[in-house]
């Protein structure tokens, strides 16, 4: 599970065996995880985050969208 960034208690990562999927990132906060598609940034799945946490997670994905895509391409190239 390559970790892209840890910020404000949120960890952004993807699973190394998901090459066949479109670019995405998982965002973990404590014991909750949400999955976001990258282009365009949109929520794919939420497992336990409340609305406030989802907003912060989404903001982080938007903030680091270029870096996430770059790391995805590097890893799966």
PDB file of N, CA and C in Angstrom:
ATOM      1  N   UNK A   1       0.830  -1.176   0.000  1.00  0.00           N
ATOM      2  CA  UNK A   1       0.000   0.000   0.000  1.00  0.00           C
ATOM      3  C   UNK A   1       0.880   1.247   0.000  1.00  0.00           C
ATOM      4  N   UNK A   2       1.204   1.752  -1.152  1.00  0.00           N
ATOM      5  CA  UNK A   2       2.016   2.971  -1.191  1.00  0.00           C
ATOM      6  C   UNK A   2       1.286   4.160  -0.572  1.00  0.00           C
ATOM      7  N   UNK A   3       1.908   4.776   0.423  1.00  0.00           N
ATOM      8  CA  UNK A   3       1.367   5.988   1.034  1.00  0.00           C
ATOM      9  C   UNK A   3       1.893   7.180   0.265  1.00  0.00           C
ATOM     10  N   UNK A   4       0.991   8.078  -0.107  1.00  0.00           N
ATOM     11  CA  UNK A   4       1.367   9.260  -0.873  1.00  0.00           C
ATOM     12  C   UNK A   4       1.696  10.414   0.052  1.00  0.00           C
ATOM     13  N   UNK A   5       0.842  10.624   1.032  1.00  0.00           N
ATOM     14  CA  UNK A   5       1.051  11.736   1.956  1.00  0.00           C
ATOM     15  C   UNK A   5       0.274  11.480   3.239  1.00  0.00           C
ATOM     16  N   UNK A   6       0.781  12.024   4.339  1.00  0.00           N
ATOM     17  CA  UNK A   6       0.069  12.047   5.615  1.00  0.00           C
ATOM     18  C   UNK A   6      -0.020  13.507   6.024  1.00  0.00           C
ATOM     19  N   UNK A   7      -1.252  13.971   6.251  1.00  0.00           N
ATOM     20  CA  UNK A   7      -1.445  15.386   6.582  1.00  0.00           C
ATOM     21  C   UNK A   7      -2.684  15.525   7.457  1.00  0.00           C
ATOM     22  N   UNK A   8      -2.528  16.217   8.575  1.00  0.00           N
ATOM     23  CA  UNK A   8      -3.658  16.496   9.445  1.00  0.00           C
ATOM     24  C   UNK A   8      -4.368  15.260   9.959  1.00  0.00           C
ATOM     25  N   UNK A   9      -3.624  14.172  10.133  1.00  0.00           N
ATOM     26  CA  UNK A   9      -4.218  12.930  10.613  1.00  0.00           C
ATOM     27  C   UNK A   9      -4.819  12.067   9.511  1.00  0.00           C
ATOM     28  N   UNK A  10      -4.783  12.546   8.264  1.00  0.00           N
ATOM     29  CA  UNK A  10      -5.306  11.801   7.125  1.00  0.00           C
ATOM     30  C   UNK A  10      -4.146  11.166   6.361  1.00  0.00           C
ATOM     31  N   UNK A  11      -4.319   9.914   5.960  1.00  0.00           N
ATOM     32  CA  UNK A  11      -3.308   9.220   5.156  1.00  0.00           C
ATOM     33  C   UNK A  11      -3.901   8.939   3.785  1.00  0.00           C
ATOM     34  N   UNK A  12      -3.211   9.386   2.741  1.00  0.00           N
ATOM     35  CA  UNK A  12      -3.638   9.151   1.366  1.00  0.00           C
ATOM     36  C   UNK A  12      -2.786   8.029   0.789  1.00  0.00           C
ATOM     37  N   UNK A  13      -3.434   7.003   0.239  1.00  0.00           N
ATOM     38  CA  UNK A  13      -2.705   5.841  -0.263  1.00  0.00           C
ATOM     39  C   UNK A  13      -3.528   5.134  -1.329  1.00  0.00           C
ATOM     40  N   UNK A  14      -2.898   4.201  -2.028  1.00  0.00           N
ATOM     41  CA  UNK A  14      -3.623   3.307  -2.933  1.00  0.00           C
ATOM     42  C   UNK A  14      -3.072   1.905  -2.759  1.00  0.00           C
ATOM     43  N   UNK A  15      -3.820   0.924  -3.235  1.00  0.00           N
ATOM     44  CA  UNK A  15      -3.386  -0.473  -3.145  1.00  0.00           C
ATOM     45  C   UNK A  15      -2.566  -0.828  -4.379  1.00  0.00           C
ATOM     46  N   UNK A  16      -1.501  -1.546  -4.169  1.00  0.00           N
ATOM     47  CA  UNK A  16      -0.568  -1.841  -5.253  1.00  0.00           C
ATOM     48  C   UNK A  16      -1.104  -2.831  -6.283  1.00  0.00           C
ATOM     49  N   UNK A  17      -2.217  -3.482  -6.015  1.00  0.00           N
ATOM     50  CA  UNK A  17      -2.749  -4.462  -6.965  1.00  0.00           C
ATOM     51  C   UNK A  17      -3.949  -3.930  -7.755  1.00  0.00           C
ATOM     52  N   UNK A  18      -4.168  -2.635  -7.744  1.00  0.00           N
ATOM     53  CA  UNK A  18      -5.342  -2.045  -8.397  1.00  0.00           C
ATOM     54  C   UNK A  18      -5.020  -1.335  -9.703  1.00  0.00           C
ATOM     55  N   UNK A  19      -4.020  -1.786 -10.410  1.00  0.00           N
ATOM     56  CA  UNK A  19      -3.599  -1.150 -11.653  1.00  0.00           C
ATOM     57  C   UNK A  19      -4.718  -1.089 -12.694  1.00  0.00           C
ATOM     58  N   UNK A  20      -5.613  -2.047 -12.679  1.00  0.00           N
ATOM     59  CA  UNK A  20      -6.653  -2.105 -13.704  1.00  0.00           C
ATOM     60  C   UNK A  20      -7.739  -1.051 -13.498  1.00  0.00           C
ATOM     61  N   UNK A  21      -7.764  -0.419 -12.339  1.00  0.00           N
ATOM     62  CA  UNK A  21      -8.769   0.611 -12.067  1.00  0.00           C
ATOM     63  C   UNK A  21      -8.304   1.963 -12.588  1.00  0.00           C
ATOM     64  N   UNK A  22      -9.251   2.866 -12.738  1.00  0.00           N
ATOM     65  CA  UNK A  22      -8.906   4.252 -13.042  1.00  0.00           C
ATOM     66  C   UNK A  22      -8.192   4.842 -11.828  1.00  0.00           C
ATOM     67  N   UNK A  23      -7.373   5.888 -12.012  1.00  0.00           N
ATOM     68  CA  UNK A  23      -6.646   6.459 -10.874  1.00  0.00           C
ATOM     69  C   UNK A  23      -7.585   6.880  -9.742  1.00  0.00           C
ATOM     70  N   UNK A  24      -7.216   6.516  -8.547  1.00  0.00           N
ATOM     71  CA  UNK A  24      -7.994   6.807  -7.349  1.00  0.00           C
ATOM     72  C   UNK A  24      -7.050   6.930  -6.170  1.00  0.00           C
ATOM     73  N   UNK A  25      -7.587   7.312  -5.039  1.00  0.00           N
ATOM     74  CA  UNK A  25      -6.815   7.339  -3.804  1.00  0.00           C
ATOM     75  C   UNK A  25      -7.754   6.994  -2.656  1.00  0.00           C
ATOM     76  N   UNK A  26      -7.238   6.235  -1.702  1.00  0.00           N
ATOM     77  CA  UNK A  26      -7.952   5.982  -0.463  1.00  0.00           C
ATOM     78  C   UNK A  26      -7.472   7.019   0.541  1.00  0.00           C
ATOM     79  N   UNK A  27      -8.397   7.492   1.367  1.00  0.00           N
ATOM     80  CA  UNK A  27      -8.051   8.432   2.426  1.00  0.00           C
ATOM     81  C   UNK A  27      -8.496   7.802   3.739  1.00  0.00           C
ATOM     82  N   UNK A  28      -7.533   7.591   4.626  1.00  0.00           N
ATOM     83  CA  UNK A  28      -7.823   6.993   5.925  1.00  0.00           C
ATOM     84  C   UNK A  28      -7.743   8.071   6.990  1.00  0.00           C
ATOM     85  N   UNK A  29      -8.730   8.073   7.871  1.00  0.00           N
ATOM     86  CA  UNK A  29      -8.720   8.936   9.044  1.00  0.00           C
ATOM     87  C   UNK A  29      -9.162   8.088  10.218  1.00  0.00           C
ATOM     88  N   UNK A  30      -8.266   7.886  11.154  1.00  0.00           N
ATOM     89  CA  UNK A  30      -8.489   6.975  12.271  1.00  0.00           C
ATOM     90  C   UNK A  30      -8.884   5.606  11.713  1.00  0.00           C
ATOM     91  N   UNK A  31     -10.060   5.093  12.042  1.00  0.00           N
ATOM     92  CA  UNK A  31     -10.435   3.759  11.549  1.00  0.00           C
ATOM     93  C   UNK A  31     -11.374   3.828  10.343  1.00  0.00           C
ATOM     94  N   UNK A  32     -11.590   5.022   9.811  1.00  0.00           N
ATOM     95  CA  UNK A  32     -12.482   5.208   8.656  1.00  0.00           C
ATOM     96  C   UNK A  32     -11.673   5.374   7.380  1.00  0.00           C
ATOM     97  N   UNK A  33     -12.263   4.944   6.257  1.00  0.00           N
ATOM     98  CA  UNK A  33     -11.596   5.057   4.963  1.00  0.00           C
ATOM     99  C   UNK A  33     -12.615   5.467   3.912  1.00  0.00           C
ATOM    100  N   UNK A  34     -12.192   6.364   3.030  1.00  0.00           N
ATOM    101  CA  UNK A  34     -13.008   6.747   1.881  1.00  0.00           C
ATOM    102  C   UNK A  34     -12.147   6.590   0.633  1.00  0.00           C
ATOM    103  N   UNK A  35     -12.801   6.335  -0.483  1.00  0.00           N
ATOM    104  CA  UNK A  35     -12.110   6.184  -1.765  1.00  0.00           C
ATOM    105  C   UNK A  35     -12.585   7.301  -2.683  1.00  0.00           C
ATOM    106  N   UNK A  36     -11.626   7.980  -3.329  1.00  0.00           N
ATOM    107  CA  UNK A  36     -11.930   9.066  -4.247  1.00  0.00           C
ATOM    108  C   UNK A  36     -11.327   8.779  -5.616  1.00  0.00           C
ATOM    109  N   UNK A  37     -12.135   8.956  -6.660  1.00  0.00           N
ATOM    110  CA  UNK A  37     -11.617   8.953  -8.025  1.00  0.00           C
ATOM    111  C   UNK A  37     -10.856  10.256  -8.207  1.00  0.00           C
ATOM    112  N   UNK A  38      -9.881  10.263  -9.111  1.00  0.00           N
ATOM    113  CA  UNK A  38      -9.023  11.431  -9.271  1.00  0.00           C
ATOM    114  C   UNK A  38      -9.491  12.381 -10.366  1.00  0.00           C
ATOM    115  N   UNK A  39      -9.894  11.872 -11.514  1.00  0.00           N
ATOM    116  CA  UNK A  39     -10.272  12.765 -12.628  1.00  0.00           C
ATOM    117  C   UNK A  39     -11.690  12.501 -13.074  1.00  0.00           C
ATOM    118  N   UNK A  40     -12.652  13.304 -12.735  1.00  0.00           N
ATOM    119  CA  UNK A  40     -12.576  14.405 -11.767  1.00  0.00           C
ATOM    120  C   UNK A  40     -12.625  13.842 -10.346  1.00  0.00           C
ATOM    121  N   UNK A  41     -12.187  14.646  -9.399  1.00  0.00           N
ATOM    122  CA  UNK A  41     -12.211  14.212  -8.004  1.00  0.00           C
ATOM    123  C   UNK A  41     -13.666  14.020  -7.584  1.00  0.00           C
ATOM    124  N   UNK A  42     -13.975  12.797  -7.158  1.00  0.00           N
ATOM    125  CA  UNK A  42     -15.330  12.489  -6.697  1.00  0.00           C
ATOM    126  C   UNK A  42     -15.273  11.310  -5.741  1.00  0.00           C
ATOM    127  N   UNK A  43     -16.202  11.294  -4.820  1.00  0.00           N
ATOM    128  CA  UNK A  43     -16.266  10.222  -3.830  1.00  0.00           C
ATOM    129  C   UNK A  43     -16.769   8.942  -4.486  1.00  0.00           C
ATOM    130  N   UNK A  44     -16.012   7.869  -4.322  1.00  0.00           N
ATOM    131  CA  UNK A  44     -16.415   6.564  -4.844  1.00  0.00           C
ATOM    132  C   UNK A  44     -17.077   5.720  -3.755  1.00  0.00           C
ATOM    133  N   UNK A  45     -16.545   5.826  -2.524  1.00  0.00           N
ATOM    134  CA  UNK A  45     -17.059   4.983  -1.435  1.00  0.00           C
ATOM    135  C   UNK A  45     -16.636   5.593  -0.103  1.00  0.00           C
ATOM    136  N   UNK A  46     -17.483   5.449   0.880  1.00  0.00           N
ATOM    137  CA  UNK A  46     -17.184   5.939   2.225  1.00  0.00           C
ATOM    138  C   UNK A  46     -17.461   4.838   3.232  1.00  0.00           C
ATOM    139  N   UNK A  47     -16.482   4.548   4.041  1.00  0.00           N
ATOM    140  CA  UNK A  47     -16.636   3.537   5.091  1.00  0.00           C
ATOM    141  C   UNK A  47     -16.353   4.183   6.445  1.00  0.00           C
ATOM    142  N   UNK A  48     -17.314   4.994   6.917  1.00  0.00           N
ATOM    143  CA  UNK A  48     -17.250   5.475   8.291  1.00  0.00           C
ATOM    144  C   UNK A  48     -16.928   6.930   8.529  1.00  0.00           C
ATOM    145  N   UNK A  49     -16.556   7.691   7.522  1.00  0.00           N
ATOM    146  CA  UNK A  49     -16.261   9.105   7.758  1.00  0.00           C
ATOM    147  C   UNK A  49     -17.554   9.900   7.866  1.00  0.00           C
ATOM    148  N   UNK A  50     -17.549  10.868   8.789  1.00  0.00           N
ATOM    149  CA  UNK A  50     -18.703  11.753   8.875  1.00  0.00           C
ATOM    150  C   UNK A  50     -18.557  12.865   7.829  1.00  0.00           C
ATOM    151  N   UNK A  51     -19.545  13.723   7.718  1.00  0.00           N
ATOM    152  CA  UNK A  51     -19.568  14.754   6.682  1.00  0.00           C
ATOM    153  C   UNK A  51     -18.364  15.687   6.781  1.00  0.00           C
ATOM    154  N   UNK A  52     -18.020  16.087   7.984  1.00  0.00           N
ATOM    155  CA  UNK A  52     -16.877  16.983   8.185  1.00  0.00           C
ATOM    156  C   UNK A  52     -15.568  16.320   7.753  1.00  0.00           C
ATOM    157  N   UNK A  53     -15.388  15.074   8.139  1.00  0.00           N
ATOM    158  CA  UNK A  53     -14.178  14.336   7.758  1.00  0.00           C
ATOM    159  C   UNK A  53     -14.114  14.148   6.248  1.00  0.00           C
ATOM    160  N   UNK A  54     -15.253  13.845   5.623  1.00  0.00           N
ATOM    161  CA  UNK A  54     -15.288  13.691   4.164  1.00  0.00           C
ATOM    162  C   UNK A  54     -14.921  14.984   3.464  1.00  0.00           C
ATOM    163  N   UNK A  55     -15.389  16.101   3.969  1.00  0.00           N
ATOM    164  CA  UNK A  55     -15.056  17.400   3.380  1.00  0.00           C
ATOM    165  C   UNK A  55     -13.548  17.649   3.458  1.00  0.00           C
ATOM    166  N   UNK A  56     -12.961  17.369   4.618  1.00  0.00           N
ATOM    167  CA  UNK A  56     -11.511  17.539   4.779  1.00  0.00           C
ATOM    168  C   UNK A  56     -10.752  16.582   3.868  1.00  0.00           C
ATOM    169  N   UNK A  57     -11.221  15.351   3.773  1.00  0.00           N
ATOM    170  CA  UNK A  57     -10.568  14.364   2.905  1.00  0.00           C
ATOM    171  C   UNK A  57     -10.634  14.810   1.450  1.00  0.00           C
ATOM    172  N   UNK A  58     -11.801  15.259   1.024  1.00  0.00           N
ATOM    173  CA  UNK A  58     -11.970  15.736  -0.345  1.00  0.00           C
ATOM    174  C   UNK A  58     -11.074  16.934  -0.630  1.00  0.00           C
ATOM    175  N   UNK A  59     -10.996  17.849   0.318  1.00  0.00           N
ATOM    176  CA  UNK A  59     -10.121  19.022   0.163  1.00  0.00           C
ATOM    177  C   UNK A  59      -8.665  18.595   0.002  1.00  0.00           C
ATOM    178  N   UNK A  60      -8.240  17.588   0.763  1.00  0.00           N
ATOM    179  CA  UNK A  60      -6.864  17.093   0.638  1.00  0.00           C
ATOM    180  C   UNK A  60      -6.619  16.454  -0.722  1.00  0.00           C
ATOM    181  N   UNK A  61      -7.587  15.701  -1.203  1.00  0.00           N
ATOM    182  CA  UNK A  61      -7.442  15.070  -2.519  1.00  0.00           C
ATOM    183  C   UNK A  61      -7.340  16.151  -3.598  1.00  0.00           C
ATOM    184  N   UNK A  62      -8.188  17.148  -3.519  1.00  0.00           N
ATOM    185  CA  UNK A  62      -8.119  18.252  -4.486  1.00  0.00           C
ATOM    186  C   UNK A  62      -6.784  18.983  -4.397  1.00  0.00           C
ATOM    187  N   UNK A  63      -6.332  19.232  -3.181  1.00  0.00           N
ATOM    188  CA  UNK A  63      -5.066  19.942  -2.961  1.00  0.00           C
ATOM    189  C   UNK A  63      -3.884  19.181  -3.555  1.00  0.00           C
ATOM    190  N   UNK A  64      -3.913  17.858  -3.456  1.00  0.00           N
ATOM    191  CA  UNK A  64      -2.770  17.037  -3.869  1.00  0.00           C
ATOM    192  C   UNK A  64      -3.070  16.218  -5.128  1.00  0.00           C
ATOM    193  N   UNK A  65      -4.062  16.636  -5.891  1.00  0.00           N
ATOM    194  CA  UNK A  65      -4.487  15.876  -7.072  1.00  0.00           C
ATOM    195  C   UNK A  65      -3.334  15.588  -8.033  1.00  0.00           C
ATOM    196  N   UNK A  66      -2.526  16.577  -8.320  1.00  0.00           N
ATOM    197  CA  UNK A  66      -1.404  16.386  -9.250  1.00  0.00           C
ATOM    198  C   UNK A  66      -0.391  15.389  -8.704  1.00  0.00           C
ATOM    199  N   UNK A  67      -0.076  15.505  -7.432  1.00  0.00           N
ATOM    200  CA  UNK A  67       0.877  14.586  -6.807  1.00  0.00           C
ATOM    201  C   UNK A  67       0.335  13.161  -6.797  1.00  0.00           C
ATOM    202  N   UNK A  68      -0.939  12.994  -6.504  1.00  0.00           N
ATOM    203  CA  UNK A  68      -1.558  11.665  -6.493  1.00  0.00           C
ATOM    204  C   UNK A  68      -1.447  11.030  -7.872  1.00  0.00           C
ATOM    205  N   UNK A  69      -1.810  11.784  -8.895  1.00  0.00           N
ATOM    206  CA  UNK A  69      -1.746  11.276 -10.273  1.00  0.00           C
ATOM    207  C   UNK A  69      -0.307  10.938 -10.654  1.00  0.00           C
ATOM    208  N   UNK A  70       0.618  11.787 -10.277  1.00  0.00           N
ATOM    209  CA  UNK A  70       2.039  11.542 -10.563  1.00  0.00           C
ATOM    210  C   UNK A  70       2.513  10.249  -9.901  1.00  0.00           C
ATOM    211  N   UNK A  71       2.176  10.064  -8.630  1.00  0.00           N
ATOM    212  CA  UNK A  71       2.594   8.855  -7.904  1.00  0.00           C
ATOM    213  C   UNK A  71       1.926   7.609  -8.486  1.00  0.00           C
ATOM    214  N   UNK A  72       0.661   7.734  -8.898  1.00  0.00           N
ATOM    215  CA  UNK A  72      -0.053   6.623  -9.529  1.00  0.00           C
ATOM    216  C   UNK A  72       0.681   6.199 -10.806  1.00  0.00           C
ATOM    217  N   UNK A  73       0.987   7.188 -11.652  1.00  0.00           N
ATOM    218  CA  UNK A  73       1.665   6.906 -12.916  1.00  0.00           C
ATOM    219  C   UNK A  73       3.053   6.315 -12.695  1.00  0.00           C
ATOM    220  N   UNK A  74       3.798   6.839 -11.729  1.00  0.00           N
ATOM    221  CA  UNK A  74       5.122   6.307 -11.420  1.00  0.00           C
ATOM    222  C   UNK A  74       5.029   4.848 -10.970  1.00  0.00           C
ATOM    223  N   UNK A  75       4.104   4.568 -10.088  1.00  0.00           N
ATOM    224  CA  UNK A  75       4.008   3.233  -9.518  1.00  0.00           C
ATOM    225  C   UNK A  75       3.557   2.196 -10.540  1.00  0.00           C
ATOM    226  N   UNK A  76       2.590   2.573 -11.377  1.00  0.00           N
ATOM    227  CA  UNK A  76       2.008   1.591 -12.288  1.00  0.00           C
ATOM    228  C   UNK A  76       2.597   1.634 -13.705  1.00  0.00           C
ATOM    229  N   UNK A  77       3.608   2.438 -13.912  1.00  0.00           N
ATOM    230  CA  UNK A  77       4.247   2.494 -15.246  1.00  0.00           C
ATOM    231  C   UNK A  77       5.123   1.296 -15.481  1.00  0.00           C
TER     232      UNK A  77
END
